[in-house]
Amino acid sequence: MDDLTKVKWIKSSYSTGNGGECVELAVLHDDGMAIRDSKRPHGAVLRVPATEWVAFRTSLKSGDLGA
């Protein structure tokens, strides 16, 4: 299990226009992703396995999860 204090958190470039309130992502050692609220960096973290993250991104790009 990754030590989340040592991973590199990345904030979307889109977050700069809304006061910095956004989600942050970190790539985990097993190629999964960690997701957290940028306003609460010490709060809860959602861990997503690599296969689930790829499926989520594919669905976003194809428009399957659109509003």
PDB file of N, CA and C in Angstrom:
ATOM      1  N   MET A   1       0.848  -1.183   0.000  1.00  0.00           N
ATOM      2  CA  MET A   1       0.000   0.000   0.000  1.00  0.00           C
ATOM      3  C   MET A   1       0.889   1.239   0.000  1.00  0.00           C
ATOM      4  N   ASP A   2       0.547   2.201  -0.804  1.00  0.00           N
ATOM      5  CA  ASP A   2       1.345   3.417  -0.923  1.00  0.00           C
ATOM      6  C   ASP A   2       1.177   4.315   0.284  1.00  0.00           C
ATOM      7  N   ASP A   3       2.276   4.968   0.666  1.00  0.00           N
ATOM      8  CA  ASP A   3       2.242   5.996   1.702  1.00  0.00           C
ATOM      9  C   ASP A   3       1.789   7.278   1.013  1.00  0.00           C
ATOM     10  N   LEU A   4       0.570   7.708   1.269  1.00  0.00           N
ATOM     11  CA  LEU A   4       0.007   8.851   0.548  1.00  0.00           C
ATOM     12  C   LEU A   4       0.646  10.176   0.917  1.00  0.00           C
ATOM     13  N   THR A   5       1.483  10.205   1.940  1.00  0.00           N
ATOM     14  CA  THR A   5       2.214  11.435   2.251  1.00  0.00           C
ATOM     15  C   THR A   5       3.412  11.606   1.327  1.00  0.00           C
ATOM     16  N   LYS A   6       3.758  10.532   0.595  1.00  0.00           N
ATOM     17  CA  LYS A   6       4.938  10.582  -0.277  1.00  0.00           C
ATOM     18  C   LYS A   6       4.606  10.564  -1.762  1.00  0.00           C
ATOM     19  N   VAL A   7       3.337  10.519  -2.112  1.00  0.00           N
ATOM     20  CA  VAL A   7       2.983  10.527  -3.531  1.00  0.00           C
ATOM     21  C   VAL A   7       2.894  11.967  -4.022  1.00  0.00           C
ATOM     22  N   LYS A   8       3.023  12.139  -5.329  1.00  0.00           N
ATOM     23  CA  LYS A   8       2.928  13.470  -5.931  1.00  0.00           C
ATOM     24  C   LYS A   8       1.477  13.722  -6.347  1.00  0.00           C
ATOM     25  N   TRP A   9       0.838  14.667  -5.683  1.00  0.00           N
ATOM     26  CA  TRP A   9      -0.546  15.022  -5.994  1.00  0.00           C
ATOM     27  C   TRP A   9      -0.555  16.046  -7.117  1.00  0.00           C
ATOM     28  N   ILE A  10      -1.457  15.857  -8.068  1.00  0.00           N
ATOM     29  CA  ILE A  10      -1.561  16.727  -9.236  1.00  0.00           C
ATOM     30  C   ILE A  10      -2.956  17.330  -9.266  1.00  0.00           C
ATOM     31  N   LYS A  11      -2.994  18.636  -9.439  1.00  0.00           N
ATOM     32  CA  LYS A  11      -4.264  19.355  -9.529  1.00  0.00           C
ATOM     33  C   LYS A  11      -4.487  19.755 -10.986  1.00  0.00           C
ATOM     34  N   SER A  12      -5.700  19.666 -11.439  1.00  0.00           N
ATOM     35  CA  SER A  12      -6.042  20.032 -12.806  1.00  0.00           C
ATOM     36  C   SER A  12      -5.709  21.496 -13.070  1.00  0.00           C
ATOM     37  N   SER A  13      -5.269  21.792 -14.278  1.00  0.00           N
ATOM     38  CA  SER A  13      -5.017  23.182 -14.661  1.00  0.00           C
ATOM     39  C   SER A  13      -6.324  23.977 -14.690  1.00  0.00           C
ATOM     40  N   TYR A  14      -7.457  23.294 -14.796  1.00  0.00           N
ATOM     41  CA  TYR A  14      -8.755  23.966 -14.771  1.00  0.00           C
ATOM     42  C   TYR A  14      -9.077  24.530 -13.393  1.00  0.00           C
ATOM     43  N   SER A  15      -8.427  24.047 -12.356  1.00  0.00           N
ATOM     44  CA  SER A  15      -8.750  24.477 -10.996  1.00  0.00           C
ATOM     45  C   SER A  15      -8.244  25.885 -10.695  1.00  0.00           C
ATOM     46  N   THR A  16      -7.336  26.421 -11.496  1.00  0.00           N
ATOM     47  CA  THR A  16      -6.798  27.747 -11.215  1.00  0.00           C
ATOM     48  C   THR A  16      -7.844  28.839 -11.414  1.00  0.00           C
ATOM     49  N   GLY A  17      -8.829  28.618 -12.245  1.00  0.00           N
ATOM     50  CA  GLY A  17      -9.843  29.623 -12.504  1.00  0.00           C
ATOM     51  C   GLY A  17     -10.993  29.631 -11.515  1.00  0.00           C
ATOM     52  N   ASN A  18     -11.065  28.645 -10.641  1.00  0.00           N
ATOM     53  CA  ASN A  18     -12.199  28.595  -9.705  1.00  0.00           C
ATOM     54  C   ASN A  18     -11.740  28.663  -8.253  1.00  0.00           C
ATOM     55  N   GLY A  19     -10.648  29.356  -7.996  1.00  0.00           N
ATOM     56  CA  GLY A  19     -10.181  29.503  -6.624  1.00  0.00           C
ATOM     57  C   GLY A  19      -9.392  28.308  -6.120  1.00  0.00           C
ATOM     58  N   GLY A  20      -9.025  27.407  -6.999  1.00  0.00           N
ATOM     59  CA  GLY A  20      -8.222  26.263  -6.596  1.00  0.00           C
ATOM     60  C   GLY A  20      -9.015  25.129  -5.992  1.00  0.00           C
ATOM     61  N   GLU A  21     -10.323  25.216  -6.037  1.00  0.00           N
ATOM     62  CA  GLU A  21     -11.157  24.152  -5.464  1.00  0.00           C
ATOM     63  C   GLU A  21     -11.395  23.084  -6.515  1.00  0.00           C
ATOM     64  N   CYS A  22     -10.762  21.967  -6.322  1.00  0.00           N
ATOM     65  CA  CYS A  22     -10.803  20.920  -7.336  1.00  0.00           C
ATOM     66  C   CYS A  22     -10.436  19.598  -6.684  1.00  0.00           C
ATOM     67  N   VAL A  23     -10.406  18.571  -7.478  1.00  0.00           N
ATOM     68  CA  VAL A  23      -9.888  17.299  -6.995  1.00  0.00           C
ATOM     69  C   VAL A  23      -8.420  17.219  -7.369  1.00  0.00           C
ATOM     70  N   GLU A  24      -7.693  16.408  -6.622  1.00  0.00           N
ATOM     71  CA  GLU A  24      -6.297  16.148  -6.919  1.00  0.00           C
ATOM     72  C   GLU A  24      -6.131  14.655  -7.146  1.00  0.00           C
ATOM     73  N   LEU A  25      -5.213  14.306  -8.023  1.00  0.00           N
ATOM     74  CA  LEU A  25      -4.949  12.911  -8.362  1.00  0.00           C
ATOM     75  C   LEU A  25      -3.498  12.570  -8.068  1.00  0.00           C
ATOM     76  N   ALA A  26      -3.274  11.327  -7.729  1.00  0.00           N
ATOM     77  CA  ALA A  26      -1.913  10.817  -7.555  1.00  0.00           C
ATOM     78  C   ALA A  26      -1.844   9.426  -8.153  1.00  0.00           C
ATOM     79  N   VAL A  27      -0.797   9.166  -8.932  1.00  0.00           N
ATOM     80  CA  VAL A  27      -0.572   7.831  -9.480  1.00  0.00           C
ATOM     81  C   VAL A  27       0.059   6.988  -8.377  1.00  0.00           C
ATOM     82  N   LEU A  28      -0.510   5.818  -8.143  1.00  0.00           N
ATOM     83  CA  LEU A  28      -0.011   4.929  -7.109  1.00  0.00           C
ATOM     84  C   LEU A  28       0.978   3.927  -7.687  1.00  0.00           C
ATOM     85  N   HIS A  29       1.714   3.300  -6.832  1.00  0.00           N
ATOM     86  CA  HIS A  29       2.765   2.362  -7.227  1.00  0.00           C
ATOM     87  C   HIS A  29       2.228   1.245  -8.134  1.00  0.00           C
ATOM     88  N   ASP A  30       1.012   0.805  -7.900  1.00  0.00           N
ATOM     89  CA  ASP A  30       0.424  -0.277  -8.705  1.00  0.00           C
ATOM     90  C   ASP A  30      -0.294   0.248  -9.944  1.00  0.00           C
ATOM     91  N   ASP A  31      -0.043   1.505 -10.300  1.00  0.00           N
ATOM     92  CA  ASP A  31      -0.659   2.202 -11.432  1.00  0.00           C
ATOM     93  C   ASP A  31      -2.123   2.550 -11.196  1.00  0.00           C
ATOM     94  N   GLY A  32      -2.620   2.314 -10.004  1.00  0.00           N
ATOM     95  CA  GLY A  32      -3.942   2.792  -9.648  1.00  0.00           C
ATOM     96  C   GLY A  32      -3.877   4.289  -9.398  1.00  0.00           C
ATOM     97  N   MET A  33      -4.999   4.864  -9.018  1.00  0.00           N
ATOM     98  CA  MET A  33      -5.061   6.303  -8.756  1.00  0.00           C
ATOM     99  C   MET A  33      -5.615   6.552  -7.363  1.00  0.00           C
ATOM    100  N   ALA A  34      -5.158   7.641  -6.780  1.00  0.00           N
ATOM    101  CA  ALA A  34      -5.727   8.136  -5.533  1.00  0.00           C
ATOM    102  C   ALA A  34      -6.353   9.488  -5.860  1.00  0.00           C
ATOM    103  N   ILE A  35      -7.523   9.744  -5.301  1.00  0.00           N
ATOM    104  CA  ILE A  35      -8.268  10.969  -5.588  1.00  0.00           C
ATOM    105  C   ILE A  35      -8.665  11.599  -4.264  1.00  0.00           C
ATOM    106  N   ARG A  36      -8.468  12.922  -4.151  1.00  0.00           N
ATOM    107  CA  ARG A  36      -8.860  13.625  -2.930  1.00  0.00           C
ATOM    108  C   ARG A  36      -9.372  15.014  -3.260  1.00  0.00           C
ATOM    109  N   ASP A  37     -10.045  15.609  -2.309  1.00  0.00           N
ATOM    110  CA  ASP A  37     -10.549  16.977  -2.415  1.00  0.00           C
ATOM    111  C   ASP A  37      -9.405  17.933  -2.086  1.00  0.00           C
ATOM    112  N   SER A  38      -9.106  18.854  -2.983  1.00  0.00           N
ATOM    113  CA  SER A  38      -7.980  19.757  -2.769  1.00  0.00           C
ATOM    114  C   SER A  38      -8.185  20.678  -1.565  1.00  0.00           C
ATOM    115  N   LYS A  39      -9.427  20.902  -1.181  1.00  0.00           N
ATOM    116  CA  LYS A  39      -9.699  21.754  -0.019  1.00  0.00           C
ATOM    117  C   LYS A  39      -9.456  21.004   1.289  1.00  0.00           C
ATOM    118  N   ARG A  40      -9.397  19.684   1.225  1.00  0.00           N
ATOM    119  CA  ARG A  40      -9.198  18.845   2.414  1.00  0.00           C
ATOM    120  C   ARG A  40      -8.101  17.820   2.158  1.00  0.00           C
ATOM    121  N   PRO A  41      -6.863  18.286   2.046  1.00  0.00           N
ATOM    122  CA  PRO A  41      -5.775  17.373   1.690  1.00  0.00           C
ATOM    123  C   PRO A  41      -5.505  16.284   2.727  1.00  0.00           C
ATOM    124  N   HIS A  42      -5.970  16.479   3.942  1.00  0.00           N
ATOM    125  CA  HIS A  42      -5.766  15.453   4.969  1.00  0.00           C
ATOM    126  C   HIS A  42      -7.041  14.642   5.216  1.00  0.00           C
ATOM    127  N   GLY A  43      -8.044  14.848   4.356  1.00  0.00           N
ATOM    128  CA  GLY A  43      -9.309  14.135   4.486  1.00  0.00           C
ATOM    129  C   GLY A  43      -9.281  12.787   3.786  1.00  0.00           C
ATOM    130  N   ALA A  44     -10.448  12.306   3.490  1.00  0.00           N
ATOM    131  CA  ALA A  44     -10.606  10.991   2.871  1.00  0.00           C
ATOM    132  C   ALA A  44      -9.977  10.943   1.480  1.00  0.00           C
ATOM    133  N   VAL A  45      -9.491   9.773   1.122  1.00  0.00           N
ATOM    134  CA  VAL A  45      -8.886   9.529  -0.192  1.00  0.00           C
ATOM    135  C   VAL A  45      -9.588   8.329  -0.817  1.00  0.00           C
ATOM    136  N   LEU A  46      -9.963   8.478  -2.060  1.00  0.00           N
ATOM    137  CA  LEU A  46     -10.553   7.381  -2.821  1.00  0.00           C
ATOM    138  C   LEU A  46      -9.441   6.727  -3.624  1.00  0.00           C
ATOM    139  N   ARG A  47      -9.270   5.427  -3.445  1.00  0.00           N
ATOM    140  CA  ARG A  47      -8.282   4.669  -4.216  1.00  0.00           C
ATOM    141  C   ARG A  47      -9.007   3.891  -5.300  1.00  0.00           C
ATOM    142  N   VAL A  48      -8.504   3.991  -6.518  1.00  0.00           N
ATOM    143  CA  VAL A  48      -9.139   3.337  -7.661  1.00  0.00           C
ATOM    144  C   VAL A  48      -8.108   2.434  -8.336  1.00  0.00           C
ATOM    145  N   PRO A  49      -8.434   1.144  -8.505  1.00  0.00           N
ATOM    146  CA  PRO A  49      -7.504   0.246  -9.204  1.00  0.00           C
ATOM    147  C   PRO A  49      -7.268   0.718 -10.645  1.00  0.00           C
ATOM    148  N   ALA A  50      -6.118   0.380 -11.185  1.00  0.00           N
ATOM    149  CA  ALA A  50      -5.742   0.826 -12.529  1.00  0.00           C
ATOM    150  C   ALA A  50      -6.789   0.456 -13.578  1.00  0.00           C
ATOM    151  N   THR A  51      -7.313  -0.761 -13.524  1.00  0.00           N
ATOM    152  CA  THR A  51      -8.289  -1.184 -14.536  1.00  0.00           C
ATOM    153  C   THR A  51      -9.569  -0.357 -14.461  1.00  0.00           C
ATOM    154  N   GLU A  52      -9.993  -0.019 -13.260  1.00  0.00           N
ATOM    155  CA  GLU A  52     -11.199   0.800 -13.085  1.00  0.00           C
ATOM    156  C   GLU A  52     -10.951   2.231 -13.558  1.00  0.00           C
ATOM    157  N   TRP A  53      -9.756   2.757 -13.300  1.00  0.00           N
ATOM    158  CA  TRP A  53      -9.420   4.114 -13.728  1.00  0.00           C
ATOM    159  C   TRP A  53      -9.421   4.210 -15.255  1.00  0.00           C
ATOM    160  N   VAL A  54      -8.850   3.207 -15.912  1.00  0.00           N
ATOM    161  CA  VAL A  54      -8.829   3.197 -17.382  1.00  0.00           C
ATOM    162  C   VAL A  54     -10.258   3.139 -17.923  1.00  0.00           C
ATOM    163  N   ALA A  55     -11.105   2.317 -17.337  1.00  0.00           N
ATOM    164  CA  ALA A  55     -12.503   2.218 -17.784  1.00  0.00           C
ATOM    165  C   ALA A  55     -13.234   3.546 -17.580  1.00  0.00           C
ATOM    166  N   PHE A  56     -12.982   4.217 -16.464  1.00  0.00           N
ATOM    167  CA  PHE A  56     -13.602   5.517 -16.183  1.00  0.00           C
ATOM    168  C   PHE A  56     -13.164   6.560 -17.208  1.00  0.00           C
ATOM    169  N   ARG A  57     -11.863   6.645 -17.463  1.00  0.00           N
ATOM    170  CA  ARG A  57     -11.349   7.621 -18.434  1.00  0.00           C
ATOM    171  C   ARG A  57     -11.873   7.341 -19.841  1.00  0.00           C
ATOM    172  N   THR A  58     -11.945   6.070 -20.205  1.00  0.00           N
ATOM    173  CA  THR A  58     -12.457   5.704 -21.520  1.00  0.00           C
ATOM    174  C   THR A  58     -13.914   6.137 -21.663  1.00  0.00           C
ATOM    175  N   SER A  59     -14.703   5.933 -20.616  1.00  0.00           N
ATOM    176  CA  SER A  59     -16.111   6.332 -20.639  1.00  0.00           C
ATOM    177  C   SER A  59     -16.259   7.840 -20.721  1.00  0.00           C
ATOM    178  N   LEU A  60     -15.409   8.578 -20.024  1.00  0.00           N
ATOM    179  CA  LEU A  60     -15.458  10.042 -20.108  1.00  0.00           C
ATOM    180  C   LEU A  60     -15.136  10.523 -21.513  1.00  0.00           C
ATOM    181  N   LYS A  61     -14.065   9.988 -22.079  1.00  0.00           N
ATOM    182  CA  LYS A  61     -13.631  10.421 -23.408  1.00  0.00           C
ATOM    183  C   LYS A  61     -14.649  10.077 -24.480  1.00  0.00           C
ATOM    184  N   SER A  62     -15.362   8.986 -24.323  1.00  0.00           N
ATOM    185  CA  SER A  62     -16.328   8.572 -25.341  1.00  0.00           C
ATOM    186  C   SER A  62     -17.683   9.268 -25.162  1.00  0.00           C
ATOM    187  N   GLY A  63     -17.844   9.969 -24.043  1.00  0.00           N
ATOM    188  CA  GLY A  63     -19.092  10.666 -23.795  1.00  0.00           C
ATOM    189  C   GLY A  63     -20.139   9.819 -23.094  1.00  0.00           C
ATOM    190  N   ASP A  64     -19.803   8.610 -22.704  1.00  0.00           N
ATOM    191  CA  ASP A  64     -20.755   7.720 -22.049  1.00  0.00           C
ATOM    192  C   ASP A  64     -21.202   8.237 -20.685  1.00  0.00           C
ATOM    193  N   LEU A  65     -20.396   9.074 -20.036  1.00  0.00           N
ATOM    194  CA  LEU A  65     -20.752   9.581 -18.722  1.00  0.00           C
ATOM    195  C   LEU A  65     -21.208  11.033 -18.768  1.00  0.00           C
ATOM    196  N   GLY A  66     -21.457  11.540 -19.957  1.00  0.00           N
ATOM    197  CA  GLY A  66     -21.867  12.938 -20.111  1.00  0.00           C
ATOM    198  C   GLY A  66     -23.213  13.217 -19.470  1.00  0.00           C
ATOM    199  N   ALA A  67     -23.452  14.481 -19.246  1.00  0.00           N
ATOM    200  CA  ALA A  67     -24.707  14.892 -18.589  1.00  0.00           C
ATOM    201  C   ALA A  67     -25.876  14.804 -19.534  1.00  0.00           C
TER     202      ALA A  67
END
